[in-house]
Amino acid sequence: ENVIHGGIISTVLDEAMAWATAAAGAWA
C-alpha cells in the first residue's frame, strides 16, 4: 500500500540508461 514496486523503479532506471546510450549514438 502506497509503496511503488521496485521492479517499476528498476525499469525506469534501465530505460533511462538505454536511451542515454541511444542519445550518445550507440544502440545497445
PDB file of all heavy atoms in Angstrom:
ATOM      1  N   GLU A   1       0.817  -1.204   0.000  1.00  0.00           N
ATOM      2  CA  GLU A   1       0.000   0.000   0.000  1.00  0.00           C
ATOM      3  C   GLU A   1       0.857   1.263   0.000  1.00  0.00           C
ATOM      4  O   GLU A   1       1.671   1.475   0.889  1.00  0.00           O
ATOM      5  CB  GLU A   1      -0.937   0.017   1.208  1.00  0.00           C
ATOM      6  CG  GLU A   1      -1.905   1.176   1.162  1.00  0.00           C
ATOM      7  CD  GLU A   1      -2.941   1.123   2.279  1.00  0.00           C
ATOM      8  OE1 GLU A   1      -3.013   0.118   2.993  1.00  0.00           O
ATOM      9  OE2 GLU A   1      -3.656   2.115   2.425  1.00  0.00           O
ATOM     10  N   ASN A   2       0.694   2.055  -1.051  1.00  0.00           N
ATOM     11  CA  ASN A   2       1.342   3.352  -1.226  1.00  0.00           C
ATOM     12  C   ASN A   2       2.863   3.274  -1.394  1.00  0.00           C
ATOM     13  O   ASN A   2       3.550   4.269  -1.256  1.00  0.00           O
ATOM     14  CB  ASN A   2       0.980   4.302  -0.083  1.00  0.00           C
ATOM     15  CG  ASN A   2       1.170   5.751  -0.489  1.00  0.00           C
ATOM     16  OD1 ASN A   2       1.016   6.114  -1.649  1.00  0.00           O
ATOM     17  ND2 ASN A   2       1.523   6.571   0.472  1.00  0.00           N
ATOM     18  N   VAL A   3       3.417   2.107  -1.678  1.00  0.00           N
ATOM     19  CA  VAL A   3       4.854   1.952  -1.922  1.00  0.00           C
ATOM     20  C   VAL A   3       5.044   1.390  -3.335  1.00  0.00           C
ATOM     21  O   VAL A   3       4.550   0.305  -3.641  1.00  0.00           O
ATOM     22  CB  VAL A   3       5.515   1.018  -0.881  1.00  0.00           C
ATOM     23  CG1 VAL A   3       6.996   0.829  -1.194  1.00  0.00           C
ATOM     24  CG2 VAL A   3       5.318   1.557   0.532  1.00  0.00           C
ATOM     25  N   ILE A   4       5.762   2.124  -4.163  1.00  0.00           N
ATOM     26  CA  ILE A   4       5.955   1.719  -5.556  1.00  0.00           C
ATOM     27  C   ILE A   4       6.856   0.489  -5.636  1.00  0.00           C
ATOM     28  O   ILE A   4       7.869   0.388  -4.947  1.00  0.00           O
ATOM     29  CB  ILE A   4       6.541   2.887  -6.379  1.00  0.00           C
ATOM     30  CG1 ILE A   4       5.597   4.102  -6.313  1.00  0.00           C
ATOM     31  CG2 ILE A   4       6.788   2.474  -7.827  1.00  0.00           C
ATOM     32  CD1 ILE A   4       4.156   3.814  -6.687  1.00  0.00           C
ATOM     33  N   HIS A   5       6.476  -0.425  -6.487  1.00  0.00           N
ATOM     34  CA  HIS A   5       7.191  -1.683  -6.681  1.00  0.00           C
ATOM     35  C   HIS A   5       8.618  -1.417  -7.172  1.00  0.00           C
ATOM     36  O   HIS A   5       8.841  -0.597  -8.070  1.00  0.00           O
ATOM     37  CB  HIS A   5       6.436  -2.526  -7.709  1.00  0.00           C
ATOM     38  CG  HIS A   5       6.858  -3.947  -7.763  1.00  0.00           C
ATOM     39  ND1 HIS A   5       8.087  -4.331  -8.226  1.00  0.00           N
ATOM     40  CD2 HIS A   5       6.208  -5.078  -7.404  1.00  0.00           C
ATOM     41  CE1 HIS A   5       8.181  -5.649  -8.167  1.00  0.00           C
ATOM     42  NE2 HIS A   5       7.049  -6.121  -7.668  1.00  0.00           N
ATOM     43  N   GLY A   6       9.580  -2.110  -6.598  1.00  0.00           N
ATOM     44  CA  GLY A   6      10.969  -1.955  -7.002  1.00  0.00           C
ATOM     45  C   GLY A   6      11.210  -2.304  -8.456  1.00  0.00           C
ATOM     46  O   GLY A   6      12.114  -1.759  -9.092  1.00  0.00           O
ATOM     47  N   GLY A   7      10.410  -3.204  -9.007  1.00  0.00           N
ATOM     48  CA  GLY A   7      10.552  -3.561 -10.412  1.00  0.00           C
ATOM     49  C   GLY A   7      10.197  -2.403 -11.335  1.00  0.00           C
ATOM     50  O   GLY A   7      10.799  -2.242 -12.402  1.00  0.00           O
ATOM     51  N   ILE A   8       9.238  -1.596 -10.926  1.00  0.00           N
ATOM     52  CA  ILE A   8       8.870  -0.409 -11.707  1.00  0.00           C
ATOM     53  C   ILE A   8      10.030   0.582 -11.689  1.00  0.00           C
ATOM     54  O   ILE A   8      10.422   1.133 -12.716  1.00  0.00           O
ATOM     55  CB  ILE A   8       7.585   0.246 -11.153  1.00  0.00           C
ATOM     56  CG1 ILE A   8       6.394  -0.726 -11.220  1.00  0.00           C
ATOM     57  CG2 ILE A   8       7.300   1.565 -11.855  1.00  0.00           C
ATOM     58  CD1 ILE A   8       5.969  -1.110 -12.609  1.00  0.00           C
ATOM     59  N   ILE A   9      10.587   0.804 -10.500  1.00  0.00           N
ATOM     60  CA  ILE A   9      11.724   1.720 -10.363  1.00  0.00           C
ATOM     61  C   ILE A   9      12.904   1.212 -11.195  1.00  0.00           C
ATOM     62  O   ILE A   9      13.559   1.978 -11.898  1.00  0.00           O
ATOM     63  CB  ILE A   9      12.104   1.886  -8.879  1.00  0.00           C
ATOM     64  CG1 ILE A   9      10.968   2.603  -8.133  1.00  0.00           C
ATOM     65  CG2 ILE A   9      13.431   2.627  -8.722  1.00  0.00           C
ATOM     66  CD1 ILE A   9      11.100   2.602  -6.628  1.00  0.00           C
ATOM     67  N   SER A  10      13.148  -0.087 -11.150  1.00  0.00           N
ATOM     68  CA  SER A  10      14.241  -0.685 -11.920  1.00  0.00           C
ATOM     69  C   SER A  10      14.040  -0.468 -13.416  1.00  0.00           C
ATOM     70  O   SER A  10      14.997  -0.157 -14.147  1.00  0.00           O
ATOM     71  CB  SER A  10      14.329  -2.184 -11.636  1.00  0.00           C
ATOM     72  OG  SER A  10      14.584  -2.414 -10.274  1.00  0.00           O
ATOM     73  N   THR A  11      12.819  -0.638 -13.871  1.00  0.00           N
ATOM     74  CA  THR A  11      12.507  -0.443 -15.289  1.00  0.00           C
ATOM     75  C   THR A  11      12.762   0.997 -15.714  1.00  0.00           C
ATOM     76  O   THR A  11      13.338   1.249 -16.776  1.00  0.00           O
ATOM     77  CB  THR A  11      11.048  -0.842 -15.581  1.00  0.00           C
ATOM     78  OG1 THR A  11      10.878  -2.221 -15.239  1.00  0.00           O
ATOM     79  CG2 THR A  11      10.678  -0.604 -17.030  1.00  0.00           C
ATOM     80  N   VAL A  12      12.351   1.943 -14.896  1.00  0.00           N
ATOM     81  CA  VAL A  12      12.569   3.360 -15.204  1.00  0.00           C
ATOM     82  C   VAL A  12      14.064   3.656 -15.330  1.00  0.00           C
ATOM     83  O   VAL A  12      14.508   4.315 -16.282  1.00  0.00           O
ATOM     84  CB  VAL A  12      11.912   4.257 -14.127  1.00  0.00           C
ATOM     85  CG1 VAL A  12      12.367   5.704 -14.251  1.00  0.00           C
ATOM     86  CG2 VAL A  12      10.390   4.154 -14.212  1.00  0.00           C
ATOM     87  N   LEU A  13      14.863   3.164 -14.387  1.00  0.00           N
ATOM     88  CA  LEU A  13      16.306   3.387 -14.427  1.00  0.00           C
ATOM     89  C   LEU A  13      16.941   2.725 -15.650  1.00  0.00           C
ATOM     90  O   LEU A  13      17.787   3.321 -16.324  1.00  0.00           O
ATOM     91  CB  LEU A  13      16.953   2.875 -13.139  1.00  0.00           C
ATOM     92  CG  LEU A  13      16.571   3.653 -11.870  1.00  0.00           C
ATOM     93  CD1 LEU A  13      16.981   2.869 -10.632  1.00  0.00           C
ATOM     94  CD2 LEU A  13      17.182   5.039 -11.874  1.00  0.00           C
ATOM     95  N   ASP A  14      16.520   1.503 -15.951  1.00  0.00           N
ATOM     96  CA  ASP A  14      17.045   0.781 -17.108  1.00  0.00           C
ATOM     97  C   ASP A  14      16.719   1.527 -18.405  1.00  0.00           C
ATOM     98  O   ASP A  14      17.580   1.694 -19.272  1.00  0.00           O
ATOM     99  CB  ASP A  14      16.472  -0.642 -17.131  1.00  0.00           C
ATOM    100  CG  ASP A  14      17.038  -1.497 -18.250  1.00  0.00           C
ATOM    101  OD1 ASP A  14      18.244  -1.406 -18.531  1.00  0.00           O
ATOM    102  OD2 ASP A  14      16.267  -2.295 -18.821  1.00  0.00           O
ATOM    103  N   GLU A  15      15.494   1.973 -18.542  1.00  0.00           N
ATOM    104  CA  GLU A  15      15.087   2.710 -19.741  1.00  0.00           C
ATOM    105  C   GLU A  15      15.871   4.002 -19.887  1.00  0.00           C
ATOM    106  O   GLU A  15      16.295   4.358 -20.993  1.00  0.00           O
ATOM    107  CB  GLU A  15      13.584   3.015 -19.710  1.00  0.00           C
ATOM    108  CG  GLU A  15      12.727   1.854 -20.121  1.00  0.00           C
ATOM    109  CD  GLU A  15      12.908   1.522 -21.602  1.00  0.00           C
ATOM    110  OE1 GLU A  15      12.654   2.381 -22.471  1.00  0.00           O
ATOM    111  OE2 GLU A  15      13.323   0.391 -21.887  1.00  0.00           O
ATOM    112  N   ALA A  16      16.072   4.721 -18.801  1.00  0.00           N
ATOM    113  CA  ALA A  16      16.823   5.975 -18.870  1.00  0.00           C
ATOM    114  C   ALA A  16      18.243   5.726 -19.367  1.00  0.00           C
ATOM    115  O   ALA A  16      18.751   6.462 -20.221  1.00  0.00           O
ATOM    116  CB  ALA A  16      16.840   6.651 -17.498  1.00  0.00           C
ATOM    117  N   MET A  17      18.886   4.682 -18.848  1.00  0.00           N
ATOM    118  CA  MET A  17      20.252   4.378 -19.287  1.00  0.00           C
ATOM    119  C   MET A  17      20.277   3.918 -20.742  1.00  0.00           C
ATOM    120  O   MET A  17      21.173   4.292 -21.505  1.00  0.00           O
ATOM    121  CB  MET A  17      20.885   3.337 -18.363  1.00  0.00           C
ATOM    122  CG  MET A  17      21.169   3.870 -16.971  1.00  0.00           C
ATOM    123  SD  MET A  17      22.022   2.698 -15.893  1.00  0.00           S
ATOM    124  CE  MET A  17      20.710   1.494 -15.573  1.00  0.00           C
ATOM    125  N   ALA A  18      19.286   3.125 -21.143  1.00  0.00           N
ATOM    126  CA  ALA A  18      19.229   2.657 -22.529  1.00  0.00           C
ATOM    127  C   ALA A  18      19.057   3.829 -23.489  1.00  0.00           C
ATOM    128  O   ALA A  18      19.702   3.873 -24.547  1.00  0.00           O
ATOM    129  CB  ALA A  18      18.095   1.642 -22.692  1.00  0.00           C
ATOM    130  N   TRP A  19      18.209   4.790 -23.150  1.00  0.00           N
ATOM    131  CA  TRP A  19      18.020   5.946 -24.026  1.00  0.00           C
ATOM    132  C   TRP A  19      19.233   6.866 -23.982  1.00  0.00           C
ATOM    133  O   TRP A  19      19.527   7.545 -24.973  1.00  0.00           O
ATOM    134  CB  TRP A  19      16.732   6.686 -23.694  1.00  0.00           C
ATOM    135  CG  TRP A  19      15.550   5.925 -24.215  1.00  0.00           C
ATOM    136  CD1 TRP A  19      14.630   5.227 -23.482  1.00  0.00           C
ATOM    137  CD2 TRP A  19      15.203   5.737 -25.589  1.00  0.00           C
ATOM    138  NE1 TRP A  19      13.727   4.619 -24.329  1.00  0.00           N
ATOM    139  CE2 TRP A  19      14.053   4.920 -25.627  1.00  0.00           C
ATOM    140  CE3 TRP A  19      15.743   6.169 -26.786  1.00  0.00           C
ATOM    141  CZ2 TRP A  19      13.444   4.537 -26.818  1.00  0.00           C
ATOM    142  CZ3 TRP A  19      15.139   5.789 -27.975  1.00  0.00           C
ATOM    143  CH2 TRP A  19      13.998   4.984 -27.977  1.00  0.00           C
ATOM    144  N   ALA A  20      19.968   6.874 -22.883  1.00  0.00           N
ATOM    145  CA  ALA A  20      21.221   7.643 -22.843  1.00  0.00           C
ATOM    146  C   ALA A  20      22.221   7.066 -23.837  1.00  0.00           C
ATOM    147  O   ALA A  20      22.947   7.810 -24.501  1.00  0.00           O
ATOM    148  CB  ALA A  20      21.797   7.657 -21.425  1.00  0.00           C
ATOM    149  N   THR A  21      22.259   5.732 -23.936  1.00  0.00           N
ATOM    150  CA  THR A  21      23.172   5.128 -24.921  1.00  0.00           C
ATOM    151  C   THR A  21      22.743   5.510 -26.332  1.00  0.00           C
ATOM    152  O   THR A  21      23.581   5.830 -27.168  1.00  0.00           O
ATOM    153  CB  THR A  21      23.256   3.592 -24.782  1.00  0.00           C
ATOM    154  OG1 THR A  21      22.017   2.996 -25.124  1.00  0.00           O
ATOM    155  CG2 THR A  21      23.693   3.171 -23.399  1.00  0.00           C
ATOM    156  N   ALA A  22      21.445   5.503 -26.589  1.00  0.00           N
ATOM    157  CA  ALA A  22      20.949   5.875 -27.920  1.00  0.00           C
ATOM    158  C   ALA A  22      21.272   7.336 -28.224  1.00  0.00           C
ATOM    159  O   ALA A  22      21.678   7.678 -29.334  1.00  0.00           O
ATOM    160  CB  ALA A  22      19.451   5.615 -28.017  1.00  0.00           C
ATOM    161  N   ALA A  23      21.109   8.198 -27.236  1.00  0.00           N
ATOM    162  CA  ALA A  23      21.400   9.619 -27.431  1.00  0.00           C
ATOM    163  C   ALA A  23      22.881   9.842 -27.699  1.00  0.00           C
ATOM    164  O   ALA A  23      23.253  10.798 -28.387  1.00  0.00           O
ATOM    165  CB  ALA A  23      20.961  10.415 -26.204  1.00  0.00           C
ATOM    166  N   ALA A  24      23.720   8.943 -27.201  1.00  0.00           N
ATOM    167  CA  ALA A  24      25.160   9.031 -27.449  1.00  0.00           C
ATOM    168  C   ALA A  24      25.542   8.392 -28.774  1.00  0.00           C
ATOM    169  O   ALA A  24      26.718   8.321 -29.120  1.00  0.00           O
ATOM    170  CB  ALA A  24      25.915   8.364 -26.300  1.00  0.00           C
ATOM    171  N   GLY A  25      24.535   7.899 -29.515  1.00  0.00           N
ATOM    172  CA  GLY A  25      24.784   7.328 -30.828  1.00  0.00           C
ATOM    173  C   GLY A  25      25.049   5.836 -30.839  1.00  0.00           C
ATOM    174  O   GLY A  25      25.476   5.293 -31.847  1.00  0.00           O
ATOM    175  N   ALA A  26      24.790   5.167 -29.720  1.00  0.00           N
ATOM    176  CA  ALA A  26      25.039   3.723 -29.631  1.00  0.00           C
ATOM    177  C   ALA A  26      23.744   3.004 -29.271  1.00  0.00           C
ATOM    178  O   ALA A  26      23.091   3.350 -28.297  1.00  0.00           O
ATOM    179  CB  ALA A  26      26.096   3.436 -28.571  1.00  0.00           C
ATOM    180  N   TRP A  27      23.378   2.016 -30.058  1.00  0.00           N
ATOM    181  CA  TRP A  27      22.217   1.196 -29.745  1.00  0.00           C
ATOM    182  C   TRP A  27      22.713  -0.050 -29.033  1.00  0.00           C
ATOM    183  O   TRP A  27      23.580  -0.767 -29.533  1.00  0.00           O
ATOM    184  CB  TRP A  27      21.449   0.850 -31.009  1.00  0.00           C
ATOM    185  CG  TRP A  27      20.718   2.051 -31.507  1.00  0.00           C
ATOM    186  CD1 TRP A  27      21.179   2.958 -32.419  1.00  0.00           C
ATOM    187  CD2 TRP A  27      19.452   2.520 -31.090  1.00  0.00           C
ATOM    188  NE1 TRP A  27      20.249   3.952 -32.596  1.00  0.00           N
ATOM    189  CE2 TRP A  27      19.175   3.705 -31.792  1.00  0.00           C
ATOM    190  CE3 TRP A  27      18.501   2.049 -30.178  1.00  0.00           C
ATOM    191  CZ2 TRP A  27      18.003   4.434 -31.632  1.00  0.00           C
ATOM    192  CZ3 TRP A  27      17.327   2.763 -30.018  1.00  0.00           C
ATOM    193  CH2 TRP A  27      17.090   3.937 -30.739  1.00  0.00           C
ATOM    194  N   ALA A  28      22.164  -0.297 -27.846  1.00  0.00           N
ATOM    195  CA  ALA A  28      22.682  -1.380 -27.012  1.00  0.00           C
ATOM    196  C   ALA A  28      21.571  -1.968 -26.150  1.00  0.00           C
ATOM    197  O   ALA A  28      20.523  -1.353 -25.956  1.00  0.00           O
ATOM    198  CB  ALA A  28      23.805  -0.845 -26.126  1.00  0.00           C
TER     199      ALA A  28
END
